[in-house]
Amino acid sequence: MKPQASPAPPAAPILRKGLPVSKASLRRPGKYPMTTPRPEIKSIIVYTTAQKPRNDYPKRIISPPLPSACCTAANRLRVGKIHEELGRNYYYKMCKACGHTVKYYFNVQSDLDSPKFRKYYEWKKSVFH
């Protein structure tokens, strides 16, 4: 009597950058970050331990790869001007003690945040609710 062949194993999940992709993301491509290609984000920061921290803004900023205990909001200084990338505003902030640098993203205050609009919104809320 001939032994029956076992059923074929299920197909291996598709890998993207070494990470398995879930079945849900295969059904709805683009909905999950692993299936959506990310645009290249440019940076002038070079993270290395081979060189001392150095600020050569706007060409390059040499920074340690990891922040230290001294890297608090109070110790970070703004470096350079405001930039826009992919519709978001940022500038560089460097720790004045150790030189660790990051891109600091922030929201621009819109008209909706103005005191005049807030006053109108509070009035509208009190009248209609």
Protein backbone atom coordinates (compact mmCIF):
# COMPACT_ATOMS: atom_id res chain seq x y z
CA MET A 1 0.00 0.00 0.00
CA LYS A 2 1.33 3.39 -1.05
CA PRO A 3 1.45 6.12 1.67
CA GLN A 4 -0.64 9.19 0.89
CA ALA A 5 1.16 12.44 0.35
CA SER A 6 0.53 15.06 2.98
CA PRO A 7 -1.21 18.25 1.86
CA ALA A 8 1.04 21.05 0.67
CA PRO A 9 2.05 23.53 3.37
CA PRO A 10 0.42 26.97 3.18
CA ALA A 11 2.25 29.56 1.15
CA ALA A 12 4.83 31.52 3.09
CA PRO A 13 3.85 35.10 3.82
CA ILE A 14 5.26 37.73 1.54
CA LEU A 15 8.17 39.51 3.16
CA ARG A 16 8.91 43.19 2.88
CA LYS A 17 12.18 44.30 4.43
CA GLY A 18 12.28 41.06 6.41
CA LEU A 19 8.89 41.55 8.08
CA PRO A 20 5.88 39.30 7.40
CA VAL A 21 2.87 40.95 5.82
CA SER A 22 -0.49 40.05 7.32
CA LYS A 23 -3.32 38.65 5.20
CA ALA A 24 -5.37 41.77 5.92
CA SER A 25 -2.73 43.98 4.32
CA LEU A 26 -2.71 41.73 1.26
CA ARG A 27 -6.46 42.19 0.87
CA ARG A 28 -6.28 45.96 1.23
CA PRO A 29 -2.96 47.14 -0.14
CA GLY A 30 -1.99 50.66 0.80
CA LYS A 31 -4.04 50.66 4.01
CA TYR A 32 -1.22 49.36 6.18
CA PRO A 33 2.22 50.98 6.45
CA MET A 34 4.15 47.84 5.51
CA THR A 35 2.59 47.78 2.03
CA THR A 36 2.86 51.52 1.38
CA PRO A 37 6.22 52.68 0.04
CA ARG A 38 7.60 55.57 2.07
CA PRO A 39 9.21 58.54 0.37
CA GLU A 40 12.88 59.16 1.01
CA ILE A 41 13.27 61.74 3.79
CA LYS A 42 16.43 63.78 3.38
CA SER A 43 18.53 64.88 6.33
CA ILE A 44 21.77 66.75 6.81
CA ILE A 45 22.35 64.95 10.13
CA VAL A 46 25.08 62.30 10.13
CA TYR A 47 24.84 60.03 13.19
CA THR A 48 28.29 58.64 14.05
CA THR A 49 30.62 57.95 16.95
CA ALA A 50 33.72 58.18 14.73
CA GLN A 51 33.70 62.00 14.70
CA LYS A 52 33.13 64.68 17.31
CA PRO A 53 29.77 66.51 17.18
CA ARG A 54 29.96 69.46 14.82
CA ASN A 55 27.51 72.00 13.44
CA ASP A 56 28.25 72.80 9.79
CA TYR A 57 24.69 73.95 9.07
CA PRO A 58 23.36 74.13 6.32
CA LYS A 59 25.67 71.51 4.78
CA ARG A 60 25.94 68.89 7.51
CA ILE A 61 25.53 68.28 11.24
CA ILE A 62 27.63 65.55 12.89
CA SER A 63 25.76 64.08 15.86
CA PRO A 64 26.14 61.18 18.30
CA PRO A 65 23.73 58.37 17.34
CA LEU A 66 21.96 58.20 20.71
CA PRO A 67 20.73 60.93 23.07
CA SER A 68 22.23 61.26 26.55
CA ALA A 69 20.64 62.18 29.88
CA CYS A 70 21.53 65.81 29.16
CA CYS A 71 19.32 65.90 26.04
CA THR A 72 16.30 67.63 27.55
CA ALA A 73 14.04 70.21 25.92
CA ALA A 74 15.71 72.93 27.99
CA ASN A 75 19.18 71.94 26.70
CA ARG A 76 18.27 71.81 23.02
CA LEU A 77 18.91 74.85 20.86
CA ARG A 78 17.34 75.60 17.50
CA VAL A 79 19.76 75.30 14.58
CA GLY A 80 19.06 77.08 11.31
CA LYS A 81 15.83 78.11 9.67
CA ILE A 82 12.43 76.44 9.31
CA HIS A 83 12.18 73.89 6.49
CA GLU A 84 9.19 72.19 4.89
CA GLU A 85 9.22 68.55 3.82
CA LEU A 86 6.23 66.51 2.63
CA GLY A 87 3.89 69.23 3.89
CA ARG A 88 5.34 69.26 7.41
CA ASN A 89 7.45 72.00 8.98
CA TYR A 90 10.61 71.27 10.96
CA TYR A 91 13.91 72.67 12.14
CA TYR A 92 16.95 71.08 13.71
CA LYS A 93 17.48 71.06 17.49
CA MET A 94 20.90 70.33 18.96
CA CYS A 95 21.80 69.53 22.57
CA LYS A 96 24.20 72.20 23.77
CA ALA A 97 25.95 69.73 26.12
CA CYS A 98 26.64 66.66 23.94
CA GLY A 99 25.67 67.74 20.41
CA HIS A 100 22.91 65.17 19.77
CA THR A 101 20.71 66.60 17.00
CA VAL A 102 17.17 65.79 15.88
CA LYS A 103 14.68 67.09 13.35
CA TYR A 104 11.95 68.81 15.35
CA TYR A 105 8.59 68.69 13.54
CA PHE A 106 5.90 71.16 14.56
CA ASN A 107 2.48 72.37 13.46
CA VAL A 108 1.99 75.85 12.11
CA GLN A 109 -0.65 77.80 14.01
CA SER A 110 -3.66 78.15 11.77
CA ASP A 111 -6.50 80.65 11.88
CA LEU A 112 -8.52 78.03 13.79
CA ASP A 113 -6.17 78.46 16.75
CA SER A 114 -6.51 82.24 16.87
CA PRO A 115 -8.13 83.88 19.93
CA LYS A 116 -10.77 85.47 17.68
CA PHE A 117 -11.90 82.07 16.38
CA ARG A 118 -11.86 80.54 19.86
CA LYS A 119 -14.10 83.35 21.14
CA TYR A 120 -16.52 82.78 18.26
CA TYR A 121 -16.48 79.01 18.82
CA GLU A 122 -17.24 79.40 22.55
CA TRP A 123 -20.10 81.80 21.74
CA LYS A 124 -21.53 79.38 19.15
CA LYS A 125 -21.26 76.48 21.60
CA SER A 126 -23.11 78.44 24.31
CA VAL A 127 -25.91 79.54 21.97
CA PHE A 128 -26.60 76.29 20.11
CA HIS A 129 -25.93 73.65 22.75
